[in-house]
Amino acid sequence: MTKVIGVRFRTAGKIYYFSPGRLKVRSGDHVIVETARGIEYGYVVMGVKEVEDEKVVQPLKPVIRLATPQDDQQSETNREKEKEAFRICLEKIRKHGLEMKLIDAEYTFDNNKVLFYFTADGRIDFRELVKDLASVFKTRIELRQIGVRDETKILGGIGICGRELCCHTHQSEFLPVSIKMAKEQNLSLNPAKISGVCGRLMCCLKHEQETYEELNSRLPGIGDIVTARDGVKGEVNSVNVLRQTVKVIVTLENEEKEIQEYKVDELRFKPRRKKEKNNKNKHGNQNIQPNTQAEEKELKELEALERKEGKSKLNDK
């Protein structure tokens, strides 16, 4: 086991491990540490804790010191300088006529480097821009092209749930999301309804996936024959995953058919396994299809973009 602390360098950023050494470091403290980018000012989100050796990336760097009031002031000064750097970079981008959208500017704590994050549709030749910026700031310049998910993580926003975006508030890393999850959760396959602010599949599909898998495992499939407690048999017409209710087509004494609703625990049927791959004509949510060919094409493009996006470009400490 290795004794570590967890440090973040930006809101909802990746948590990095450092060795506290003999320092008494607590959650909520600010610390000065050495990273691949140089000396940095970080926020402790996890106090001293022992973790398994294989979870620690070696070599584990030590905390240099607890942040002093001077360090705190330096960090505040850097935040102000970043606003000016952002404004200057915008002007230079316009001057060079580059098709790129500037998202953020960031100084390293020791002012050894200024990083500019941007998005663009394709590759950008920004060599002349870098030279121009270096002549202004007199330090190392790095321009980093990021994806739309990283852009949304930096800028933040409000999701369709009415809350601040998960990626901007607490989610350290992006989660793998797929159309299959939307099907499992019985959602409309309209791309506009299952896409987040970033235009990619909503991360909350992943948050809720395990719950839906568990709930679906308790329900019969569409078309299954079930038996109620009163002995009535019928064919499953539809299911409500969250309410855990089942609508069953039953045959009355006069041979007429009607739909009756039961709670799932009032029915007997062959249970499905949690990880079972449901047959398309046996499970209601698998019958959900895109409404139009245009939607189907858009869904395929969404999945392709998910695979292409890859890992966050913000994590490089």
C-alpha atoms as a PDB file:
ATOM      1  CA  MET A   1       0.000   0.000   0.000  1.00  0.00           C
ATOM      2  CA  THR A   2       1.128   3.555  -0.777  1.00  0.00           C
ATOM      3  CA  LYS A   3       0.199   6.686   1.153  1.00  0.00           C
ATOM      4  CA  VAL A   4      -1.119   9.404  -1.201  1.00  0.00           C
ATOM      5  CA  ILE A   5      -3.288  12.513  -1.441  1.00  0.00           C
ATOM      6  CA  GLY A   6      -5.584  13.386  -4.369  1.00  0.00           C
ATOM      7  CA  VAL A   7      -5.128  16.758  -6.088  1.00  0.00           C
ATOM      8  CA  ARG A   8      -7.126  18.554  -8.775  1.00  0.00           C
ATOM      9  CA  PHE A   9      -5.898  21.460 -10.894  1.00  0.00           C
ATOM     10  CA  ARG A  10      -9.232  22.582 -12.325  1.00  0.00           C
ATOM     11  CA  THR A  11     -12.914  22.233 -11.459  1.00  0.00           C
ATOM     12  CA  ALA A  12     -14.048  18.626 -12.009  1.00  0.00           C
ATOM     13  CA  GLY A  13     -10.592  17.843 -13.378  1.00  0.00           C
ATOM     14  CA  LYS A  14      -8.815  14.522 -13.163  1.00  0.00           C
ATOM     15  CA  ILE A  15      -7.524  13.615  -9.698  1.00  0.00           C
ATOM     16  CA  TYR A  16      -3.765  13.066  -9.509  1.00  0.00           C
ATOM     17  CA  TYR A  17      -1.911  11.289  -6.717  1.00  0.00           C
ATOM     18  CA  PHE A  18       1.025  12.848  -4.870  1.00  0.00           C
ATOM     19  CA  SER A  19       3.017  11.761  -1.846  1.00  0.00           C
ATOM     20  CA  PRO A  20       2.274  13.908   1.236  1.00  0.00           C
ATOM     21  CA  GLY A  21       5.631  12.992   2.795  1.00  0.00           C
ATOM     22  CA  ARG A  22       5.735  14.312   6.350  1.00  0.00           C
ATOM     23  CA  LEU A  23       3.342  17.166   5.642  1.00  0.00           C
ATOM     24  CA  LYS A  24      -0.054  17.191   7.338  1.00  0.00           C
ATOM     25  CA  VAL A  25      -2.258  17.666   4.302  1.00  0.00           C
ATOM     26  CA  ARG A  26      -6.036  17.724   4.601  1.00  0.00           C
ATOM     27  CA  SER A  27      -8.859  17.803   2.101  1.00  0.00           C
ATOM     28  CA  GLY A  28      -9.573  21.423   1.185  1.00  0.00           C
ATOM     29  CA  ASP A  29      -5.936  22.562   1.418  1.00  0.00           C
ATOM     30  CA  HIS A  30      -4.043  24.063  -1.495  1.00  0.00           C
ATOM     31  CA  VAL A  31      -0.618  22.620  -2.283  1.00  0.00           C
ATOM     32  CA  ILE A  32       2.346  23.298  -4.535  1.00  0.00           C
ATOM     33  CA  VAL A  33       3.459  20.246  -6.523  1.00  0.00           C
ATOM     34  CA  GLU A  34       5.704  19.377  -9.446  1.00  0.00           C
ATOM     35  CA  THR A  35       3.988  18.056 -12.577  1.00  0.00           C
ATOM     36  CA  ALA A  36       4.998  17.274 -16.152  1.00  0.00           C
ATOM     37  CA  ARG A  37       4.179  20.905 -16.951  1.00  0.00           C
ATOM     38  CA  GLY A  38       6.288  22.307 -14.139  1.00  0.00           C
ATOM     39  CA  ILE A  39       5.400  23.700 -10.715  1.00  0.00           C
ATOM     40  CA  GLU A  40       1.626  23.839 -10.206  1.00  0.00           C
ATOM     41  CA  TYR A  41      -0.910  25.030  -7.635  1.00  0.00           C
ATOM     42  CA  GLY A  42      -3.516  22.395  -6.816  1.00  0.00           C
ATOM     43  CA  TYR A  43      -6.567  21.790  -4.648  1.00  0.00           C
ATOM     44  CA  VAL A  44      -6.610  18.759  -2.339  1.00  0.00           C
ATOM     45  CA  VAL A  45      -9.842  16.799  -2.842  1.00  0.00           C
ATOM     46  CA  MET A  46      -8.717  13.647  -1.035  1.00  0.00           C
ATOM     47  CA  GLY A  47      -6.783  13.697   2.212  1.00  0.00           C
ATOM     48  CA  VAL A  48      -4.035  11.249   3.146  1.00  0.00           C
ATOM     49  CA  LYS A  49      -5.095   7.738   2.196  1.00  0.00           C
ATOM     50  CA  GLU A  50      -3.463   4.400   1.489  1.00  0.00           C
ATOM     51  CA  VAL A  51      -4.119   2.932  -1.956  1.00  0.00           C
ATOM     52  CA  GLU A  52      -2.961  -0.229  -3.697  1.00  0.00           C
ATOM     53  CA  ASP A  53       0.489   0.062  -5.277  1.00  0.00           C
ATOM     54  CA  GLU A  54      -0.770  -0.844  -8.780  1.00  0.00           C
ATOM     55  CA  LYS A  55      -3.122   2.171  -8.756  1.00  0.00           C
ATOM     56  CA  VAL A  56      -0.214   4.580  -8.348  1.00  0.00           C
ATOM     57  CA  VAL A  57       1.666   5.856 -11.411  1.00  0.00           C
ATOM     58  CA  GLN A  58       5.373   5.807 -10.650  1.00  0.00           C
ATOM     59  CA  PRO A  59       7.402   7.757  -9.868  1.00  0.00           C
ATOM     60  CA  LEU A  60       5.068   9.257  -7.264  1.00  0.00           C
ATOM     61  CA  LYS A  61       6.089  12.890  -6.869  1.00  0.00           C
ATOM     62  CA  PRO A  62       6.037  14.524  -3.433  1.00  0.00           C
ATOM     63  CA  VAL A  63       4.134  17.617  -2.371  1.00  0.00           C
ATOM     64  CA  ILE A  64       6.644  20.487  -2.354  1.00  0.00           C
ATOM     65  CA  ARG A  65       4.782  22.527   0.285  1.00  0.00           C
ATOM     66  CA  LEU A  66       1.406  23.619   1.536  1.00  0.00           C
ATOM     67  CA  ALA A  67       0.368  26.769  -0.334  1.00  0.00           C
ATOM     68  CA  THR A  68       1.301  30.030   1.405  1.00  0.00           C
ATOM     69  CA  PRO A  69      -0.680  33.303   1.231  1.00  0.00           C
ATOM     70  CA  GLN A  70       1.837  34.413  -1.404  1.00  0.00           C
ATOM     71  CA  ASP A  71       1.072  31.297  -3.447  1.00  0.00           C
ATOM     72  CA  ASP A  72      -2.647  32.003  -3.165  1.00  0.00           C
ATOM     73  CA  GLN A  73      -2.051  35.545  -4.406  1.00  0.00           C
ATOM     74  CA  GLN A  74       0.079  34.258  -7.284  1.00  0.00           C
ATOM     75  CA  SER A  75      -2.738  31.941  -8.357  1.00  0.00           C
ATOM     76  CA  GLU A  76      -5.239  34.828  -8.288  1.00  0.00           C
ATOM     77  CA  THR A  77      -2.852  36.987 -10.302  1.00  0.00           C
ATOM     78  CA  ASN A  78      -2.510  34.217 -12.887  1.00  0.00           C
ATOM     79  CA  ARG A  79      -6.321  34.036 -13.242  1.00  0.00           C
ATOM     80  CA  GLU A  80      -6.381  37.760 -14.046  1.00  0.00           C
ATOM     81  CA  LYS A  81      -3.498  37.426 -16.513  1.00  0.00           C
ATOM     82  CA  GLU A  82      -5.365  34.595 -18.247  1.00  0.00           C
ATOM     83  CA  LYS A  83      -8.256  36.945 -19.063  1.00  0.00           C
ATOM     84  CA  GLU A  84      -5.870  39.354 -20.765  1.00  0.00           C
ATOM     85  CA  ALA A  85      -4.073  36.506 -22.551  1.00  0.00           C
ATOM     86  CA  PHE A  86      -7.428  35.245 -23.855  1.00  0.00           C
ATOM     87  CA  ARG A  87      -8.280  38.697 -25.242  1.00  0.00           C
ATOM     88  CA  ILE A  88      -4.895  39.079 -26.931  1.00  0.00           C
ATOM     89  CA  CYS A  89      -5.053  35.593 -28.467  1.00  0.00           C
ATOM     90  CA  LEU A  90      -8.515  36.329 -29.901  1.00  0.00           C
ATOM     91  CA  GLU A  91      -7.129  39.419 -31.611  1.00  0.00           C
ATOM     92  CA  LYS A  92      -4.196  37.468 -33.047  1.00  0.00           C
ATOM     93  CA  ILE A  93      -6.497  34.709 -34.350  1.00  0.00           C
ATOM     94  CA  ARG A  94      -8.561  37.335 -36.202  1.00  0.00           C
ATOM     95  CA  LYS A  95      -5.384  38.962 -37.514  1.00  0.00           C
ATOM     96  CA  HIS A  96      -4.152  35.660 -38.971  1.00  0.00           C
ATOM     97  CA  GLY A  97      -7.609  34.752 -40.276  1.00  0.00           C
ATOM     98  CA  LEU A  98      -7.639  31.309 -38.700  1.00  0.00           C
ATOM     99  CA  GLU A  99     -10.826  29.190 -38.578  1.00  0.00           C
ATOM    100  CA  MET A 100     -10.579  28.271 -34.913  1.00  0.00           C
ATOM    101  CA  LYS A 101     -12.658  28.947 -31.801  1.00  0.00           C
ATOM    102  CA  LEU A 102     -10.677  29.945 -28.727  1.00  0.00           C
ATOM    103  CA  ILE A 103     -12.089  28.313 -25.585  1.00  0.00           C
ATOM    104  CA  ASP A 104      -9.722  29.065 -22.707  1.00  0.00           C
ATOM    105  CA  ALA A 105      -6.316  30.406 -21.733  1.00  0.00           C
ATOM    106  CA  GLU A 106      -4.252  28.993 -18.877  1.00  0.00           C
ATOM    107  CA  TYR A 107      -0.976  30.017 -17.225  1.00  0.00           C
ATOM    108  CA  THR A 108       1.116  27.443 -15.432  1.00  0.00           C
ATOM    109  CA  PHE A 109       1.695  28.479 -11.818  1.00  0.00           C
ATOM    110  CA  ASP A 110       5.321  29.439 -12.433  1.00  0.00           C
ATOM    111  CA  ASN A 111       4.406  31.330 -15.648  1.00  0.00           C
ATOM    112  CA  ASN A 112       6.728  29.015 -17.572  1.00  0.00           C
ATOM    113  CA  LYS A 113       4.060  28.386 -20.196  1.00  0.00           C
ATOM    114  CA  VAL A 114       0.755  29.760 -21.483  1.00  0.00           C
ATOM    115  CA  LEU A 115      -1.705  27.223 -22.889  1.00  0.00           C
ATOM    116  CA  PHE A 116      -4.530  28.144 -25.254  1.00  0.00           C
ATOM    117  CA  TYR A 117      -7.333  25.636 -25.806  1.00  0.00           C
ATOM    118  CA  PHE A 118      -9.330  25.811 -29.030  1.00  0.00           C
ATOM    119  CA  THR A 119     -11.735  23.864 -31.208  1.00  0.00           C
ATOM    120  CA  ALA A 120     -11.708  23.622 -34.989  1.00  0.00           C
ATOM    121  CA  ASP A 121     -13.303  21.449 -37.663  1.00  0.00           C
ATOM    122  CA  GLY A 122      -9.980  20.197 -38.987  1.00  0.00           C
ATOM    123  CA  ARG A 123      -6.231  20.650 -38.601  1.00  0.00           C
ATOM    124  CA  ILE A 124      -5.021  24.226 -38.220  1.00  0.00           C
ATOM    125  CA  ASP A 125      -1.611  25.558 -39.223  1.00  0.00           C
ATOM    126  CA  PHE A 126      -0.989  27.902 -36.292  1.00  0.00           C
ATOM    127  CA  ARG A 127       2.805  28.132 -36.503  1.00  0.00           C
ATOM    128  CA  GLU A 128       2.791  31.855 -37.302  1.00  0.00           C
ATOM    129  CA  LEU A 129       0.238  32.464 -34.562  1.00  0.00           C
ATOM    130  CA  VAL A 130       2.515  30.753 -32.008  1.00  0.00           C
ATOM    131  CA  LYS A 131       5.450  32.942 -33.054  1.00  0.00           C
ATOM    132  CA  ASP A 132       3.280  36.035 -32.759  1.00  0.00           C
ATOM    133  CA  LEU A 133       2.048  35.059 -29.290  1.00  0.00           C
ATOM    134  CA  ALA A 134       5.550  34.166 -28.088  1.00  0.00           C
ATOM    135  CA  SER A 135       6.763  37.639 -29.055  1.00  0.00           C
ATOM    136  CA  VAL A 136       4.000  39.150 -26.908  1.00  0.00           C
ATOM    137  CA  PHE A 137       4.152  36.937 -23.802  1.00  0.00           C
ATOM    138  CA  LYS A 138       7.902  36.193 -23.811  1.00  0.00           C
ATOM    139  CA  THR A 139       7.330  32.641 -22.592  1.00  0.00           C
ATOM    140  CA  ARG A 140       6.547  29.187 -23.993  1.00  0.00           C
ATOM    141  CA  ILE A 141       3.286  28.953 -25.908  1.00  0.00           C
ATOM    142  CA  GLU A 142       1.182  25.841 -26.417  1.00  0.00           C
ATOM    143  CA  LEU A 143      -1.969  25.725 -28.553  1.00  0.00           C
ATOM    144  CA  ARG A 144      -4.026  22.619 -27.866  1.00  0.00           C
ATOM    145  CA  GLN A 145      -6.934  21.495 -30.032  1.00  0.00           C
ATOM    146  CA  ILE A 146      -9.704  19.938 -27.944  1.00  0.00           C
ATOM    147  CA  GLY A 147     -13.044  18.281 -28.688  1.00  0.00           C
ATOM    148  CA  VAL A 148     -16.544  19.595 -28.082  1.00  0.00           C
ATOM    149  CA  ARG A 149     -16.857  17.575 -24.864  1.00  0.00           C
ATOM    150  CA  ASP A 150     -13.775  19.271 -23.420  1.00  0.00           C
ATOM    151  CA  GLU A 151     -15.155  22.623 -24.586  1.00  0.00           C
ATOM    152  CA  THR A 152     -18.394  22.012 -22.695  1.00  0.00           C
ATOM    153  CA  LYS A 153     -16.477  20.780 -19.632  1.00  0.00           C
ATOM    154  CA  ILE A 154     -14.537  24.062 -19.530  1.00  0.00           C
ATOM    155  CA  LEU A 155     -17.409  26.441 -20.273  1.00  0.00           C
ATOM    156  CA  GLY A 156     -20.163  24.648 -18.340  1.00  0.00           C
ATOM    157  CA  GLY A 157     -23.901  25.081 -18.816  1.00  0.00           C
ATOM    158  CA  ILE A 158     -27.311  23.765 -17.793  1.00  0.00           C
ATOM    159  CA  GLY A 159     -28.516  20.306 -18.835  1.00  0.00           C
ATOM    160  CA  ILE A 160     -32.082  19.374 -19.801  1.00  0.00           C
ATOM    161  CA  CYS A 161     -32.531  18.227 -16.178  1.00  0.00           C
ATOM    162  CA  GLY A 162     -32.179  21.851 -15.067  1.00  0.00           C
ATOM    163  CA  ARG A 163     -28.925  21.248 -13.208  1.00  0.00           C
ATOM    164  CA  GLU A 164     -25.345  22.262 -13.974  1.00  0.00           C
ATOM    165  CA  LEU A 165     -23.566  19.857 -16.313  1.00  0.00           C
ATOM    166  CA  CYS A 166     -22.019  16.802 -14.639  1.00  0.00           C
ATOM    167  CA  CYS A 167     -18.777  17.172 -16.598  1.00  0.00           C
ATOM    168  CA  HIS A 168     -18.348  20.734 -15.339  1.00  0.00           C
ATOM    169  CA  THR A 169     -19.191  20.109 -11.690  1.00  0.00           C
ATOM    170  CA  HIS A 170     -18.028  16.667 -10.556  1.00  0.00           C
ATOM    171  CA  GLN A 171     -17.282  14.194 -13.368  1.00  0.00           C
ATOM    172  CA  SER A 172     -13.506  13.846 -13.615  1.00  0.00           C
ATOM    173  CA  GLU A 173     -13.353  11.863 -16.844  1.00  0.00           C
ATOM    174  CA  PHE A 174     -15.708  11.213 -19.733  1.00  0.00           C
ATOM    175  CA  LEU A 175     -17.623   7.950 -19.667  1.00  0.00           C
ATOM    176  CA  PRO A 176     -18.113   5.635 -22.668  1.00  0.00           C
ATOM    177  CA  VAL A 177     -21.701   6.037 -23.889  1.00  0.00           C
ATOM    178  CA  SER A 178     -23.555   4.118 -26.623  1.00  0.00           C
ATOM    179  CA  ILE A 179     -26.901   4.036 -28.447  1.00  0.00           C
ATOM    180  CA  LYS A 180     -27.463   0.623 -26.849  1.00  0.00           C
ATOM    181  CA  MET A 181     -27.837   2.361 -23.489  1.00  0.00           C
ATOM    182  CA  ALA A 182     -30.632   4.556 -24.836  1.00  0.00           C
ATOM    183  CA  LYS A 183     -32.416   1.436 -26.079  1.00  0.00           C
ATOM    184  CA  GLU A 184     -31.993  -0.299 -22.728  1.00  0.00           C
ATOM    185  CA  GLN A 185     -33.560   2.737 -21.045  1.00  0.00           C
ATOM    186  CA  ASN A 186     -36.534   2.774 -23.424  1.00  0.00           C
ATOM    187  CA  LEU A 187     -35.691   6.270 -24.684  1.00  0.00           C
ATOM    188  CA  SER A 188     -36.730   7.814 -27.966  1.00  0.00           C
ATOM    189  CA  LEU A 189     -33.947   7.395 -30.514  1.00  0.00           C
ATOM    190  CA  ASN A 190     -34.340  10.975 -31.659  1.00  0.00           C
ATOM    191  CA  PRO A 191     -30.740  12.317 -31.616  1.00  0.00           C
ATOM    192  CA  ALA A 192     -31.922  15.707 -30.344  1.00  0.00           C
ATOM    193  CA  LYS A 193     -33.431  14.082 -27.245  1.00  0.00           C
ATOM    194  CA  ILE A 194     -30.497  11.891 -26.227  1.00  0.00           C
ATOM    195  CA  SER A 195     -27.710  14.384 -26.975  1.00  0.00           C
ATOM    196  CA  GLY A 196     -26.232  16.723 -24.402  1.00  0.00           C
ATOM    197  CA  VAL A 197     -25.189  20.367 -24.654  1.00  0.00           C
ATOM    198  CA  CYS A 198     -21.961  19.252 -26.347  1.00  0.00           C
ATOM    199  CA  GLY A 199     -23.864  17.527 -29.158  1.00  0.00           C
ATOM    200  CA  ARG A 200     -22.663  14.080 -28.079  1.00  0.00           C
ATOM    201  CA  LEU A 201     -24.650  11.351 -26.322  1.00  0.00           C
ATOM    202  CA  MET A 202     -25.605  12.420 -22.789  1.00  0.00           C
ATOM    203  CA  CYS A 203     -23.252  11.185 -20.064  1.00  0.00           C
ATOM    204  CA  CYS A 204     -26.243  10.516 -17.790  1.00  0.00           C
ATOM    205  CA  LEU A 205     -27.115   7.541 -20.017  1.00  0.00           C
ATOM    206  CA  LYS A 206     -24.095   5.852 -18.441  1.00  0.00           C
ATOM    207  CA  HIS A 207     -24.963   7.025 -14.915  1.00  0.00           C
ATOM    208  CA  GLU A 208     -28.368   5.317 -15.093  1.00  0.00           C
ATOM    209  CA  GLN A 209     -27.420   2.259 -17.141  1.00  0.00           C
ATOM    210  CA  GLU A 210     -26.723  -0.100 -14.247  1.00  0.00           C
ATOM    211  CA  THR A 211     -30.048   0.749 -12.598  1.00  0.00           C
ATOM    212  CA  TYR A 212     -31.961   0.109 -15.815  1.00  0.00           C
ATOM    213  CA  GLU A 213     -30.178  -3.210 -16.350  1.00  0.00           C
ATOM    214  CA  GLU A 214     -31.219  -4.281 -12.860  1.00  0.00           C
ATOM    215  CA  LEU A 215     -34.829  -3.115 -13.295  1.00  0.00           C
ATOM    216  CA  ASN A 216     -35.156  -4.685 -16.755  1.00  0.00           C
ATOM    217  CA  SER A 217     -33.896  -8.009 -15.386  1.00  0.00           C
ATOM    218  CA  ARG A 218     -36.984  -8.160 -13.134  1.00  0.00           C
ATOM    219  CA  LEU A 219     -39.465  -7.674 -15.990  1.00  0.00           C
ATOM    220  CA  PRO A 220     -40.871 -10.122 -18.569  1.00  0.00           C
ATOM    221  CA  GLY A 221     -40.275  -9.483 -22.262  1.00  0.00           C
ATOM    222  CA  ILE A 222     -42.878  -8.179 -24.709  1.00  0.00           C
ATOM    223  CA  GLY A 223     -44.843 -11.146 -26.021  1.00  0.00           C
ATOM    224  CA  ASP A 224     -44.048 -13.375 -23.034  1.00  0.00           C
ATOM    225  CA  ILE A 225     -46.877 -15.379 -21.483  1.00  0.00           C
ATOM    226  CA  VAL A 226     -47.377 -14.563 -17.810  1.00  0.00           C
ATOM    227  CA  THR A 227     -49.702 -15.805 -15.060  1.00  0.00           C
ATOM    228  CA  ALA A 228     -51.316 -13.510 -12.505  1.00  0.00           C
ATOM    229  CA  ARG A 229     -51.998 -14.434  -8.894  1.00  0.00           C
ATOM    230  CA  ASP A 230     -55.691 -14.921  -9.698  1.00  0.00           C
ATOM    231  CA  GLY A 231     -54.720 -17.577 -12.261  1.00  0.00           C
ATOM    232  CA  VAL A 232     -55.350 -15.411 -15.319  1.00  0.00           C
ATOM    233  CA  LYS A 233     -52.864 -15.968 -18.124  1.00  0.00           C
ATOM    234  CA  GLY A 234     -52.037 -13.450 -20.810  1.00  0.00           C
ATOM    235  CA  GLU A 235     -49.485 -12.016 -23.188  1.00  0.00           C
ATOM    236  CA  VAL A 236     -47.296  -9.067 -22.181  1.00  0.00           C
ATOM    237  CA  ASN A 237     -48.266  -5.962 -24.154  1.00  0.00           C
ATOM    238  CA  SER A 238     -45.921  -3.399 -22.600  1.00  0.00           C
ATOM    239  CA  VAL A 239     -43.824  -2.723 -19.502  1.00  0.00           C
ATOM    240  CA  ASN A 240     -43.040   0.357 -17.440  1.00  0.00           C
ATOM    241  CA  VAL A 241     -39.457  -0.026 -16.273  1.00  0.00           C
ATOM    242  CA  LEU A 242     -39.424   2.622 -13.537  1.00  0.00           C
ATOM    243  CA  ARG A 243     -42.883   1.851 -12.129  1.00  0.00           C
ATOM    244  CA  GLN A 244     -42.200  -1.901 -12.460  1.00  0.00           C
ATOM    245  CA  THR A 245     -45.659  -2.511 -13.917  1.00  0.00           C
ATOM    246  CA  VAL A 246     -46.731  -4.763 -16.799  1.00  0.00           C
ATOM    247  CA  LYS A 247     -49.709  -4.436 -19.159  1.00  0.00           C
ATOM    248  CA  VAL A 248     -51.079  -7.856 -20.110  1.00  0.00           C
ATOM    249  CA  ILE A 249     -53.536  -8.838 -22.857  1.00  0.00           C
ATOM    250  CA  VAL A 250     -55.997 -11.265 -21.258  1.00  0.00           C
ATOM    251  CA  THR A 251     -58.925 -13.174 -22.765  1.00  0.00           C
ATOM    252  CA  LEU A 252     -62.245 -12.762 -20.968  1.00  0.00           C
ATOM    253  CA  GLU A 253     -64.966 -15.418 -20.580  1.00  0.00           C
ATOM    254  CA  ASN A 254     -66.844 -14.018 -23.580  1.00  0.00           C
ATOM    255  CA  GLU A 255     -63.676 -14.462 -25.654  1.00  0.00           C
ATOM    256  CA  GLU A 256     -63.096 -10.704 -25.807  1.00  0.00           C
ATOM    257  CA  LYS A 257     -59.626  -9.402 -25.073  1.00  0.00           C
ATOM    258  CA  GLU A 258     -58.672  -6.542 -22.787  1.00  0.00           C
ATOM    259  CA  ILE A 259     -55.501  -5.051 -21.378  1.00  0.00           C
ATOM    260  CA  GLN A 260     -55.001  -5.269 -17.627  1.00  0.00           C
ATOM    261  CA  GLU A 261     -52.137  -3.726 -15.648  1.00  0.00           C
ATOM    262  CA  TYR A 262     -50.283  -5.619 -12.920  1.00  0.00           C
ATOM    263  CA  LYS A 263     -47.354  -4.940 -10.639  1.00  0.00           C
ATOM    264  CA  VAL A 264     -44.485  -7.187 -11.607  1.00  0.00           C
ATOM    265  CA  ASP A 265     -44.520  -8.982  -8.238  1.00  0.00           C
ATOM    266  CA  GLU A 266     -48.111 -10.046  -8.940  1.00  0.00           C
ATOM    267  CA  LEU A 267     -47.038 -12.099 -11.956  1.00  0.00           C
ATOM    268  CA  ARG A 268     -45.292 -15.428 -12.494  1.00  0.00           C
ATOM    269  CA  PHE A 269     -42.980 -15.783 -15.480  1.00  0.00           C
ATOM    270  CA  LYS A 270     -39.556 -17.045 -16.418  1.00  0.00           C
ATOM    271  CA  PRO A 271     -37.152 -14.371 -15.146  1.00  0.00           C
ATOM    272  CA  ARG A 272     -34.516 -13.021 -17.493  1.00  0.00           C
ATOM    273  CA  ARG A 273     -30.870 -12.760 -16.526  1.00  0.00           C
ATOM    274  CA  LYS A 274     -29.471  -9.304 -15.894  1.00  0.00           C
ATOM    275  CA  LYS A 275     -26.872  -9.514 -18.667  1.00  0.00           C
ATOM    276  CA  GLU A 276     -29.036 -11.457 -21.097  1.00  0.00           C
ATOM    277  CA  LYS A 277     -28.984 -10.098 -24.641  1.00  0.00           C
ATOM    278  CA  ASN A 278     -32.674  -9.638 -25.230  1.00  0.00           C
ATOM    279  CA  ASN A 279     -34.229 -10.834 -28.466  1.00  0.00           C
ATOM    280  CA  LYS A 280     -35.467  -7.926 -30.568  1.00  0.00           C
ATOM    281  CA  ASN A 281     -39.063  -9.121 -30.725  1.00  0.00           C
ATOM    282  CA  LYS A 282     -39.053 -10.223 -27.080  1.00  0.00           C
ATOM    283  CA  HIS A 283     -38.187  -7.012 -25.269  1.00  0.00           C
ATOM    284  CA  GLY A 284     -40.028  -3.743 -25.619  1.00  0.00           C
ATOM    285  CA  ASN A 285     -37.119  -1.361 -25.531  1.00  0.00           C
ATOM    286  CA  GLN A 286     -35.317  -3.248 -28.300  1.00  0.00           C
ATOM    287  CA  ASN A 287     -38.229  -2.515 -30.651  1.00  0.00           C
ATOM    288  CA  ILE A 288     -37.559   1.208 -30.474  1.00  0.00           C
ATOM    289  CA  GLN A 289     -36.325   2.393 -33.838  1.00  0.00           C
ATOM    290  CA  PRO A 290     -35.384   5.787 -35.267  1.00  0.00           C
ATOM    291  CA  ASN A 291     -38.452   7.537 -36.674  1.00  0.00           C
ATOM    292  CA  THR A 292     -36.864   8.422 -39.998  1.00  0.00           C
ATOM    293  CA  GLN A 293     -33.915   7.472 -42.174  1.00  0.00           C
ATOM    294  CA  ALA A 294     -32.465  10.903 -41.413  1.00  0.00           C
ATOM    295  CA  GLU A 295     -32.562  10.130 -37.661  1.00  0.00           C
ATOM    296  CA  GLU A 296     -30.956   6.738 -38.259  1.00  0.00           C
ATOM    297  CA  LYS A 297     -28.152   8.392 -40.215  1.00  0.00           C
ATOM    298  CA  GLU A 298     -27.717  11.000 -37.480  1.00  0.00           C
ATOM    299  CA  LEU A 299     -27.513   8.279 -34.818  1.00  0.00           C
ATOM    300  CA  LYS A 300     -24.765   6.483 -36.731  1.00  0.00           C
ATOM    301  CA  GLU A 301     -22.863   9.754 -37.045  1.00  0.00           C
ATOM    302  CA  LEU A 302     -23.274  10.322 -33.291  1.00  0.00           C
ATOM    303  CA  GLU A 303     -21.805   6.902 -32.495  1.00  0.00           C
ATOM    304  CA  ALA A 304     -18.909   7.537 -34.894  1.00  0.00           C
ATOM    305  CA  LEU A 305     -18.190  10.868 -33.189  1.00  0.00           C
ATOM    306  CA  GLU A 306     -18.272   9.158 -29.777  1.00  0.00           C
ATOM    307  CA  ARG A 307     -15.558   6.734 -30.890  1.00  0.00           C
ATOM    308  CA  LYS A 308     -13.486   9.488 -32.526  1.00  0.00           C
ATOM    309  CA  GLU A 309     -13.610  11.889 -29.554  1.00  0.00           C
ATOM    310  CA  GLY A 310     -11.356   9.731 -27.378  1.00  0.00           C
ATOM    311  CA  LYS A 311      -9.997  10.806 -24.008  1.00  0.00           C
ATOM    312  CA  SER A 312     -10.008  14.323 -22.632  1.00  0.00           C
ATOM    313  CA  LYS A 313      -7.194  16.567 -23.896  1.00  0.00           C
ATOM    314  CA  LEU A 314      -7.246  18.511 -20.622  1.00  0.00           C
ATOM    315  CA  ASN A 315      -5.505  15.798 -18.574  1.00  0.00           C
ATOM    316  CA  ASP A 316      -1.774  16.176 -19.030  1.00  0.00           C
ATOM    317  CA  LYS A 317      -0.354  16.801 -15.544  1.00  0.00           C
END
